[in-house]
Amino acid sequence: MLQTPHQPLQATVPGPRIPTRDADADPWHTDAVCHRDEAGLFFAPSKEPTAARLAREQTAKRVCARCPVLVECREHALLQPEPYGVWGGLTAAERRVV
């Protein structure tokens, strides 16, 4: 008895990324939720205790989660690379492993 050949695998190619904003508009950071926030939430003060840092970073990440430019912010921080602070919902340590 002959087996029918398997269906050939079909590769899928992702479509082009559709920008979420007009590239000619204001810089992405003008639409950021954190634009007018205190930098202290996103950047650690010197000698910050670990528990305080973790709590601050979680609060900053919650702000990032509702931000309309989270992707642009994260891309910026990964391409620069930004060595400090919470950018695009990621801490500096998290960005180093991405």
PDB file of N, CA and C in Angstrom:
ATOM      1  N   MET A   1       0.825  -1.164   0.000  1.00  0.00           N
ATOM      2  CA  MET A   1       0.000   0.000   0.000  1.00  0.00           C
ATOM      3  C   MET A   1       0.882   1.245   0.000  1.00  0.00           C
ATOM      4  N   LEU A   2       0.616   2.136  -0.884  1.00  0.00           N
ATOM      5  CA  LEU A   2       1.397   3.363  -1.002  1.00  0.00           C
ATOM      6  C   LEU A   2       0.809   4.455  -0.123  1.00  0.00           C
ATOM      7  N   GLN A   3       1.689   5.172   0.504  1.00  0.00           N
ATOM      8  CA  GLN A   3       1.247   6.311   1.313  1.00  0.00           C
ATOM      9  C   GLN A   3       1.234   7.560   0.446  1.00  0.00           C
ATOM     10  N   THR A   4       0.280   8.398   0.696  1.00  0.00           N
ATOM     11  CA  THR A   4       0.268   9.659  -0.039  1.00  0.00           C
ATOM     12  C   THR A   4       1.348  10.565   0.528  1.00  0.00           C
ATOM     13  N   PRO A   5       1.967  11.334  -0.316  1.00  0.00           N
ATOM     14  CA  PRO A   5       3.031  12.219   0.191  1.00  0.00           C
ATOM     15  C   PRO A   5       2.444  13.256   1.145  1.00  0.00           C
ATOM     16  N   HIS A   6       3.270  13.655   2.063  1.00  0.00           N
ATOM     17  CA  HIS A   6       2.859  14.685   3.025  1.00  0.00           C
ATOM     18  C   HIS A   6       2.670  16.011   2.309  1.00  0.00           C
ATOM     19  N   GLN A   7       1.816  16.782   2.863  1.00  0.00           N
ATOM     20  CA  GLN A   7       1.640  18.122   2.318  1.00  0.00           C
ATOM     21  C   GLN A   7       2.930  18.908   2.541  1.00  0.00           C
ATOM     22  N   PRO A   8       3.387  19.640   1.550  1.00  0.00           N
ATOM     23  CA  PRO A   8       4.609  20.423   1.762  1.00  0.00           C
ATOM     24  C   PRO A   8       4.355  21.513   2.807  1.00  0.00           C
ATOM     25  N   LEU A   9       5.397  21.792   3.562  1.00  0.00           N
ATOM     26  CA  LEU A   9       5.312  22.860   4.553  1.00  0.00           C
ATOM     27  C   LEU A   9       5.257  24.201   3.846  1.00  0.00           C
ATOM     28  N   GLN A  10       4.450  25.057   4.346  1.00  0.00           N
ATOM     29  CA  GLN A  10       4.366  26.394   3.774  1.00  0.00           C
ATOM     30  C   GLN A  10       4.877  27.392   4.799  1.00  0.00           C
ATOM     31  N   ALA A  11       5.870  28.123   4.399  1.00  0.00           N
ATOM     32  CA  ALA A  11       6.426  29.140   5.294  1.00  0.00           C
ATOM     33  C   ALA A  11       5.521  30.361   5.278  1.00  0.00           C
ATOM     34  N   THR A  12       5.404  30.971   6.412  1.00  0.00           N
ATOM     35  CA  THR A  12       4.663  32.225   6.477  1.00  0.00           C
ATOM     36  C   THR A  12       5.641  33.344   6.768  1.00  0.00           C
ATOM     37  N   VAL A  13       5.473  34.393   6.052  1.00  0.00           N
ATOM     38  CA  VAL A  13       6.337  35.559   6.225  1.00  0.00           C
ATOM     39  C   VAL A  13       5.508  36.646   6.892  1.00  0.00           C
ATOM     40  N   PRO A  14       5.987  37.171   8.005  1.00  0.00           N
ATOM     41  CA  PRO A  14       5.209  38.230   8.652  1.00  0.00           C
ATOM     42  C   PRO A  14       5.092  39.439   7.744  1.00  0.00           C
ATOM     43  N   GLY A  15       3.960  40.084   7.825  1.00  0.00           N
ATOM     44  CA  GLY A  15       3.737  41.284   7.029  1.00  0.00           C
ATOM     45  C   GLY A  15       4.567  42.437   7.550  1.00  0.00           C
ATOM     46  N   PRO A  16       4.626  43.499   6.802  1.00  0.00           N
ATOM     47  CA  PRO A  16       5.403  44.653   7.268  1.00  0.00           C
ATOM     48  C   PRO A  16       4.776  45.228   8.525  1.00  0.00           C
ATOM     49  N   ARG A  17       5.633  45.744   9.372  1.00  0.00           N
ATOM     50  CA  ARG A  17       5.151  46.359  10.610  1.00  0.00           C
ATOM     51  C   ARG A  17       4.445  47.659  10.265  1.00  0.00           C
ATOM     52  N   ILE A  18       3.255  47.794  10.773  1.00  0.00           N
ATOM     53  CA  ILE A  18       2.489  49.008  10.531  1.00  0.00           C
ATOM     54  C   ILE A  18       2.782  49.977  11.664  1.00  0.00           C
ATOM     55  N   PRO A  19       3.331  51.129  11.340  1.00  0.00           N
ATOM     56  CA  PRO A  19       3.651  52.072  12.412  1.00  0.00           C
ATOM     57  C   PRO A  19       2.384  52.518  13.130  1.00  0.00           C
ATOM     58  N   THR A  20       2.514  52.694  14.422  1.00  0.00           N
ATOM     59  CA  THR A  20       1.366  53.105  15.219  1.00  0.00           C
ATOM     60  C   THR A  20       1.208  54.622  15.227  1.00  0.00           C
ATOM     61  N   ARG A  21       2.213  55.323  14.762  1.00  0.00           N
ATOM     62  CA  ARG A  21       2.159  56.780  14.770  1.00  0.00           C
ATOM     63  C   ARG A  21       2.672  57.305  13.439  1.00  0.00           C
ATOM     64  N   ASP A  22       2.353  58.531  13.146  1.00  0.00           N
ATOM     65  CA  ASP A  22       2.870  59.204  11.971  1.00  0.00           C
ATOM     66  C   ASP A  22       4.324  59.579  12.243  1.00  0.00           C
ATOM     67  N   ALA A  23       5.222  59.073  11.409  1.00  0.00           N
ATOM     68  CA  ALA A  23       6.655  59.296  11.631  1.00  0.00           C
ATOM     69  C   ALA A  23       7.022  60.779  11.561  1.00  0.00           C
ATOM     70  N   ASP A  24       6.223  61.583  10.849  1.00  0.00           N
ATOM     71  CA  ASP A  24       6.524  63.008  10.727  1.00  0.00           C
ATOM     72  C   ASP A  24       5.926  63.837  11.865  1.00  0.00           C
ATOM     73  N   ALA A  25       5.186  63.191  12.730  1.00  0.00           N
ATOM     74  CA  ALA A  25       4.557  63.901  13.849  1.00  0.00           C
ATOM     75  C   ALA A  25       5.610  64.230  14.904  1.00  0.00           C
ATOM     76  N   ASP A  26       5.147  64.743  16.034  1.00  0.00           N
ATOM     77  CA  ASP A  26       6.051  65.037  17.143  1.00  0.00           C
ATOM     78  C   ASP A  26       6.814  63.785  17.545  1.00  0.00           C
ATOM     79  N   PRO A  27       7.948  63.938  18.207  1.00  0.00           N
ATOM     80  CA  PRO A  27       8.691  62.760  18.682  1.00  0.00           C
ATOM     81  C   PRO A  27       7.798  61.881  19.550  1.00  0.00           C
ATOM     82  N   TRP A  28       8.083  60.571  19.537  1.00  0.00           N
ATOM     83  CA  TRP A  28       7.239  59.609  20.259  1.00  0.00           C
ATOM     84  C   TRP A  28       7.086  59.954  21.730  1.00  0.00           C
ATOM     85  N   HIS A  29       8.132  60.494  22.334  1.00  0.00           N
ATOM     86  CA  HIS A  29       8.090  60.713  23.782  1.00  0.00           C
ATOM     87  C   HIS A  29       7.116  61.809  24.203  1.00  0.00           C
ATOM     88  N   THR A  30       6.667  62.640  23.259  1.00  0.00           N
ATOM     89  CA  THR A  30       5.673  63.649  23.640  1.00  0.00           C
ATOM     90  C   THR A  30       4.320  63.011  23.961  1.00  0.00           C
ATOM     91  N   ASP A  31       4.077  61.791  23.456  1.00  0.00           N
ATOM     92  CA  ASP A  31       2.833  61.069  23.745  1.00  0.00           C
ATOM     93  C   ASP A  31       2.970  60.112  24.918  1.00  0.00           C
ATOM     94  N   ALA A  32       4.143  60.040  25.515  1.00  0.00           N
ATOM     95  CA  ALA A  32       4.381  59.091  26.608  1.00  0.00           C
ATOM     96  C   ALA A  32       3.607  59.492  27.859  1.00  0.00           C
ATOM     97  N   VAL A  33       3.051  58.502  28.538  1.00  0.00           N
ATOM     98  CA  VAL A  33       2.327  58.746  29.788  1.00  0.00           C
ATOM     99  C   VAL A  33       3.266  59.364  30.821  1.00  0.00           C
ATOM    100  N   CYS A  34       4.523  58.982  30.803  1.00  0.00           N
ATOM    101  CA  CYS A  34       5.495  59.464  31.788  1.00  0.00           C
ATOM    102  C   CYS A  34       6.050  60.844  31.441  1.00  0.00           C
ATOM    103  N   HIS A  35       5.632  61.415  30.335  1.00  0.00           N
ATOM    104  CA  HIS A  35       6.199  62.678  29.842  1.00  0.00           C
ATOM    105  C   HIS A  35       6.254  63.768  30.912  1.00  0.00           C
ATOM    106  N   ARG A  36       5.233  63.859  31.731  1.00  0.00           N
ATOM    107  CA  ARG A  36       5.206  64.910  32.761  1.00  0.00           C
ATOM    108  C   ARG A  36       5.423  64.371  34.167  1.00  0.00           C
ATOM    109  N   ASP A  37       5.680  63.075  34.273  1.00  0.00           N
ATOM    110  CA  ASP A  37       5.906  62.488  35.598  1.00  0.00           C
ATOM    111  C   ASP A  37       7.289  62.840  36.120  1.00  0.00           C
ATOM    112  N   GLU A  38       7.433  62.673  37.403  1.00  0.00           N
ATOM    113  CA  GLU A  38       8.736  62.875  38.021  1.00  0.00           C
ATOM    114  C   GLU A  38       9.684  61.772  37.566  1.00  0.00           C
ATOM    115  N   ALA A  39      10.895  62.109  37.232  1.00  0.00           N
ATOM    116  CA  ALA A  39      11.886  61.120  36.800  1.00  0.00           C
ATOM    117  C   ALA A  39      12.213  60.132  37.908  1.00  0.00           C
ATOM    118  N   GLY A  40      11.944  60.486  39.156  1.00  0.00           N
ATOM    119  CA  GLY A  40      12.248  59.609  40.277  1.00  0.00           C
ATOM    120  C   GLY A  40      11.543  58.274  40.225  1.00  0.00           C
ATOM    121  N   LEU A  41      10.410  58.201  39.546  1.00  0.00           N
ATOM    122  CA  LEU A  41       9.698  56.935  39.427  1.00  0.00           C
ATOM    123  C   LEU A  41      10.412  55.997  38.463  1.00  0.00           C
ATOM    124  N   PHE A  42      11.046  56.527  37.449  1.00  0.00           N
ATOM    125  CA  PHE A  42      11.657  55.717  36.401  1.00  0.00           C
ATOM    126  C   PHE A  42      13.166  55.561  36.547  1.00  0.00           C
ATOM    127  N   PHE A  43      13.775  56.361  37.396  1.00  0.00           N
ATOM    128  CA  PHE A  43      15.218  56.293  37.604  1.00  0.00           C
ATOM    129  C   PHE A  43      15.512  56.221  39.095  1.00  0.00           C
ATOM    130  N   ALA A  44      16.426  55.329  39.463  1.00  0.00           N
ATOM    131  CA  ALA A  44      16.725  55.071  40.874  1.00  0.00           C
ATOM    132  C   ALA A  44      17.545  56.196  41.495  1.00  0.00           C
ATOM    133  N   PRO A  45      17.160  56.595  42.694  1.00  0.00           N
ATOM    134  CA  PRO A  45      18.038  57.499  43.435  1.00  0.00           C
ATOM    135  C   PRO A  45      19.270  56.720  43.895  1.00  0.00           C
ATOM    136  N   SER A  46      20.342  57.418  44.202  1.00  0.00           N
ATOM    137  CA  SER A  46      21.545  56.716  44.641  1.00  0.00           C
ATOM    138  C   SER A  46      21.292  55.985  45.955  1.00  0.00           C
ATOM    139  N   LYS A  47      21.891  54.827  46.080  1.00  0.00           N
ATOM    140  CA  LYS A  47      21.819  53.990  47.287  1.00  0.00           C
ATOM    141  C   LYS A  47      20.385  53.618  47.671  1.00  0.00           C
ATOM    142  N   GLU A  48      19.542  53.377  46.682  1.00  0.00           N
ATOM    143  CA  GLU A  48      18.157  52.977  46.944  1.00  0.00           C
ATOM    144  C   GLU A  48      18.125  51.548  47.478  1.00  0.00           C
ATOM    145  N   PRO A  49      17.449  51.296  48.592  1.00  0.00           N
ATOM    146  CA  PRO A  49      17.341  49.927  49.105  1.00  0.00           C
ATOM    147  C   PRO A  49      16.613  49.026  48.100  1.00  0.00           C
ATOM    148  N   THR A  50      16.964  47.754  48.094  1.00  0.00           N
ATOM    149  CA  THR A  50      16.414  46.806  47.124  1.00  0.00           C
ATOM    150  C   THR A  50      14.894  46.760  47.149  1.00  0.00           C
ATOM    151  N   ALA A  51      14.301  46.674  48.320  1.00  0.00           N
ATOM    152  CA  ALA A  51      12.835  46.596  48.413  1.00  0.00           C
ATOM    153  C   ALA A  51      12.177  47.844  47.824  1.00  0.00           C
ATOM    154  N   ALA A  52      12.760  49.001  48.094  1.00  0.00           N
ATOM    155  CA  ALA A  52      12.222  50.252  47.555  1.00  0.00           C
ATOM    156  C   ALA A  52      12.377  50.292  46.036  1.00  0.00           C
ATOM    157  N   ARG A  53      13.524  49.811  45.536  1.00  0.00           N
ATOM    158  CA  ARG A  53      13.754  49.781  44.086  1.00  0.00           C
ATOM    159  C   ARG A  53      12.734  48.892  43.396  1.00  0.00           C
ATOM    160  N   LEU A  54      12.518  47.697  43.934  1.00  0.00           N
ATOM    161  CA  LEU A  54      11.569  46.765  43.327  1.00  0.00           C
ATOM    162  C   LEU A  54      10.154  47.343  43.307  1.00  0.00           C
ATOM    163  N   ALA A  55       9.759  47.986  44.398  1.00  0.00           N
ATOM    164  CA  ALA A  55       8.426  48.598  44.457  1.00  0.00           C
ATOM    165  C   ALA A  55       8.309  49.740  43.451  1.00  0.00           C
ATOM    166  N   ARG A  56       9.339  50.580  43.375  1.00  0.00           N
ATOM    167  CA  ARG A  56       9.331  51.704  42.431  1.00  0.00           C
ATOM    168  C   ARG A  56       9.269  51.197  41.001  1.00  0.00           C
ATOM    169  N   GLU A  57      10.072  50.166  40.679  1.00  0.00           N
ATOM    170  CA  GLU A  57      10.077  49.619  39.322  1.00  0.00           C
ATOM    171  C   GLU A  57       8.719  49.023  38.946  1.00  0.00           C
ATOM    172  N   GLN A  58       8.062  48.351  39.881  1.00  0.00           N
ATOM    173  CA  GLN A  58       6.732  47.796  39.597  1.00  0.00           C
ATOM    174  C   GLN A  58       5.724  48.914  39.325  1.00  0.00           C
ATOM    175  N   THR A  59       5.814  49.988  40.077  1.00  0.00           N
ATOM    176  CA  THR A  59       4.928  51.130  39.849  1.00  0.00           C
ATOM    177  C   THR A  59       5.203  51.744  38.480  1.00  0.00           C
ATOM    178  N   ALA A  60       6.463  51.906  38.137  1.00  0.00           N
ATOM    179  CA  ALA A  60       6.832  52.454  36.828  1.00  0.00           C
ATOM    180  C   ALA A  60       6.328  51.550  35.701  1.00  0.00           C
ATOM    181  N   LYS A  61       6.442  50.245  35.874  1.00  0.00           N
ATOM    182  CA  LYS A  61       5.974  49.301  34.849  1.00  0.00           C
ATOM    183  C   LYS A  61       4.462  49.388  34.660  1.00  0.00           C
ATOM    184  N   ARG A  62       3.724  49.654  35.744  1.00  0.00           N
ATOM    185  CA  ARG A  62       2.269  49.817  35.617  1.00  0.00           C
ATOM    186  C   ARG A  62       1.940  51.069  34.797  1.00  0.00           C
ATOM    187  N   VAL A  63       2.727  52.118  34.973  1.00  0.00           N
ATOM    188  CA  VAL A  63       2.553  53.321  34.159  1.00  0.00           C
ATOM    189  C   VAL A  63       2.854  52.987  32.699  1.00  0.00           C
ATOM    190  N   CYS A  64       3.932  52.276  32.458  1.00  0.00           N
ATOM    191  CA  CYS A  64       4.312  51.893  31.096  1.00  0.00           C
ATOM    192  C   CYS A  64       3.236  51.040  30.423  1.00  0.00           C
ATOM    193  N   ALA A  65       2.605  50.160  31.180  1.00  0.00           N
ATOM    194  CA  ALA A  65       1.629  49.230  30.615  1.00  0.00           C
ATOM    195  C   ALA A  65       0.441  49.948  29.979  1.00  0.00           C
ATOM    196  N   ARG A  66       0.137  51.147  30.429  1.00  0.00           N
ATOM    197  CA  ARG A  66      -0.992  51.880  29.855  1.00  0.00           C
ATOM    198  C   ARG A  66      -0.541  52.966  28.866  1.00  0.00           C
ATOM    199  N   CYS A  67       0.716  52.964  28.513  1.00  0.00           N
ATOM    200  CA  CYS A  67       1.276  54.003  27.656  1.00  0.00           C
ATOM    201  C   CYS A  67       1.075  53.680  26.170  1.00  0.00           C
ATOM    202  N   PRO A  68       0.624  54.645  25.367  1.00  0.00           N
ATOM    203  CA  PRO A  68       0.407  54.396  23.941  1.00  0.00           C
ATOM    204  C   PRO A  68       1.697  54.253  23.133  1.00  0.00           C
ATOM    205  N   VAL A  69       2.830  54.654  23.698  1.00  0.00           N
ATOM    206  CA  VAL A  69       4.090  54.554  22.958  1.00  0.00           C
ATOM    207  C   VAL A  69       5.059  53.580  23.624  1.00  0.00           C
ATOM    208  N   LEU A  70       4.534  52.577  24.314  1.00  0.00           N
ATOM    209  CA  LEU A  70       5.373  51.594  24.999  1.00  0.00           C
ATOM    210  C   LEU A  70       6.359  50.942  24.029  1.00  0.00           C
ATOM    211  N   VAL A  71       5.893  50.535  22.855  1.00  0.00           N
ATOM    212  CA  VAL A  71       6.764  49.849  21.892  1.00  0.00           C
ATOM    213  C   VAL A  71       7.882  50.769  21.426  1.00  0.00           C
ATOM    214  N   GLU A  72       7.551  51.999  21.085  1.00  0.00           N
ATOM    215  CA  GLU A  72       8.570  52.948  20.623  1.00  0.00           C
ATOM    216  C   GLU A  72       9.595  53.226  21.714  1.00  0.00           C
ATOM    217  N   CYS A  73       9.124  53.348  22.936  1.00  0.00           N
ATOM    218  CA  CYS A  73      10.004  53.601  24.078  1.00  0.00           C
ATOM    219  C   CYS A  73      10.958  52.427  24.288  1.00  0.00           C
ATOM    220  N   ARG A  74      10.411  51.224  24.252  1.00  0.00           N
ATOM    221  CA  ARG A  74      11.231  50.021  24.436  1.00  0.00           C
ATOM    222  C   ARG A  74      12.269  49.909  23.321  1.00  0.00           C
ATOM    223  N   GLU A  75      11.849  50.140  22.081  1.00  0.00           N
ATOM    224  CA  GLU A  75      12.791  50.080  20.959  1.00  0.00           C
ATOM    225  C   GLU A  75      13.904  51.101  21.134  1.00  0.00           C
ATOM    226  N   HIS A  76      13.549  52.301  21.542  1.00  0.00           N
ATOM    227  CA  HIS A  76      14.550  53.345  21.783  1.00  0.00           C
ATOM    228  C   HIS A  76      15.576  52.882  22.815  1.00  0.00           C
ATOM    229  N   ALA A  77      15.079  52.347  23.926  1.00  0.00           N
ATOM    230  CA  ALA A  77      15.967  51.933  25.020  1.00  0.00           C
ATOM    231  C   ALA A  77      16.866  50.779  24.613  1.00  0.00           C
ATOM    232  N   LEU A  78      16.379  49.898  23.749  1.00  0.00           N
ATOM    233  CA  LEU A  78      17.193  48.762  23.309  1.00  0.00           C
ATOM    234  C   LEU A  78      18.201  49.171  22.244  1.00  0.00           C
ATOM    235  N   LEU A  79      17.857  50.137  21.411  1.00  0.00           N
ATOM    236  CA  LEU A  79      18.761  50.552  20.336  1.00  0.00           C
ATOM    237  C   LEU A  79      19.829  51.526  20.801  1.00  0.00           C
ATOM    238  N   GLN A  80      19.574  52.315  21.858  1.00  0.00           N
ATOM    239  CA  GLN A  80      20.525  53.347  22.288  1.00  0.00           C
ATOM    240  C   GLN A  80      21.862  52.783  22.760  1.00  0.00           C
ATOM    241  N   PRO A  81      22.023  51.907  23.639  1.00  0.00           N
ATOM    242  CA  PRO A  81      21.104  51.397  24.656  1.00  0.00           C
ATOM    243  C   PRO A  81      21.090  52.315  25.875  1.00  0.00           C
ATOM    244  N   GLU A  82      19.940  52.409  26.485  1.00  0.00           N
ATOM    245  CA  GLU A  82      19.792  53.207  27.706  1.00  0.00           C
ATOM    246  C   GLU A  82      20.281  52.367  28.888  1.00  0.00           C
ATOM    247  N   PRO A  83      21.313  52.798  29.612  1.00  0.00           N
ATOM    248  CA  PRO A  83      21.876  51.968  30.682  1.00  0.00           C
ATOM    249  C   PRO A  83      21.126  52.033  32.010  1.00  0.00           C
ATOM    250  N   TYR A  84      20.250  53.011  32.183  1.00  0.00           N
ATOM    251  CA  TYR A  84      19.581  53.199  33.471  1.00  0.00           C
ATOM    252  C   TYR A  84      18.084  53.393  33.279  1.00  0.00           C
ATOM    253  N   GLY A  85      17.340  53.090  34.328  1.00  0.00           N
ATOM    254  CA  GLY A  85      15.925  53.423  34.372  1.00  0.00           C
ATOM    255  C   GLY A  85      15.002  52.386  33.764  1.00  0.00           C
ATOM    256  N   VAL A  86      13.708  52.643  33.943  1.00  0.00           N
ATOM    257  CA  VAL A  86      12.658  51.815  33.354  1.00  0.00           C
ATOM    258  C   VAL A  86      12.233  52.493  32.059  1.00  0.00           C
ATOM    259  N   TRP A  87      12.368  51.766  30.961  1.00  0.00           N
ATOM    260  CA  TRP A  87      11.996  52.259  29.634  1.00  0.00           C
ATOM    261  C   TRP A  87      11.138  51.195  28.971  1.00  0.00           C
ATOM    262  N   GLY A  88       9.994  51.576  28.462  1.00  0.00           N
ATOM    263  CA  GLY A  88       9.146  50.627  27.750  1.00  0.00           C
ATOM    264  C   GLY A  88       8.749  49.428  28.592  1.00  0.00           C
ATOM    265  N   GLY A  89       8.632  49.623  29.885  1.00  0.00           N
ATOM    266  CA  GLY A  89       8.223  48.549  30.774  1.00  0.00           C
ATOM    267  C   GLY A  89       9.320  47.581  31.155  1.00  0.00           C
ATOM    268  N   LEU A  90      10.559  47.883  30.797  1.00  0.00           N
ATOM    269  CA  LEU A  90      11.689  47.014  31.136  1.00  0.00           C
ATOM    270  C   LEU A  90      12.711  47.775  31.977  1.00  0.00           C
ATOM    271  N   THR A  91      13.246  47.101  32.970  1.00  0.00           N
ATOM    272  CA  THR A  91      14.330  47.684  33.766  1.00  0.00           C
ATOM    273  C   THR A  91      15.633  47.550  32.987  1.00  0.00           C
ATOM    274  N   ALA A  92      16.671  48.216  33.454  1.00  0.00           N
ATOM    275  CA  ALA A  92      17.981  48.106  32.806  1.00  0.00           C
ATOM    276  C   ALA A  92      18.460  46.659  32.798  1.00  0.00           C
ATOM    277  N   ALA A  93      18.263  45.945  33.900  1.00  0.00           N
ATOM    278  CA  ALA A  93      18.681  44.536  33.976  1.00  0.00           C
ATOM    279  C   ALA A  93      17.897  43.685  32.981  1.00  0.00           C
ATOM    280  N   GLU A  94      16.612  43.939  32.839  1.00  0.00           N
ATOM    281  CA  GLU A  94      15.793  43.175  31.889  1.00  0.00           C
ATOM    282  C   GLU A  94      16.196  43.471  30.450  1.00  0.00           C
ATOM    283  N   ARG A  95      16.558  44.709  30.161  1.00  0.00           N
ATOM    284  CA  ARG A  95      16.976  45.057  28.795  1.00  0.00           C
ATOM    285  C   ARG A  95      18.291  44.393  28.428  1.00  0.00           C
ATOM    286  N   ARG A  96      19.153  44.169  29.408  1.00  0.00           N
ATOM    287  CA  ARG A  96      20.442  43.535  29.108  1.00  0.00           C
ATOM    288  C   ARG A  96      20.280  42.094  28.638  1.00  0.00           C
ATOM    289  N   VAL A  97      19.202  41.426  29.018  1.00  0.00           N
ATOM    290  CA  VAL A  97      19.016  40.029  28.614  1.00  0.00           C
ATOM    291  C   VAL A  97      18.124  39.874  27.388  1.00  0.00           C
ATOM    292  N   VAL A  98      17.549  40.972  26.910  1.00  0.00           N
ATOM    293  CA  VAL A  98      16.677  40.906  25.721  1.00  0.00           C
ATOM    294  C   VAL A  98      17.531  40.828  24.485  1.00  0.00           C
TER     295      VAL A  98
END
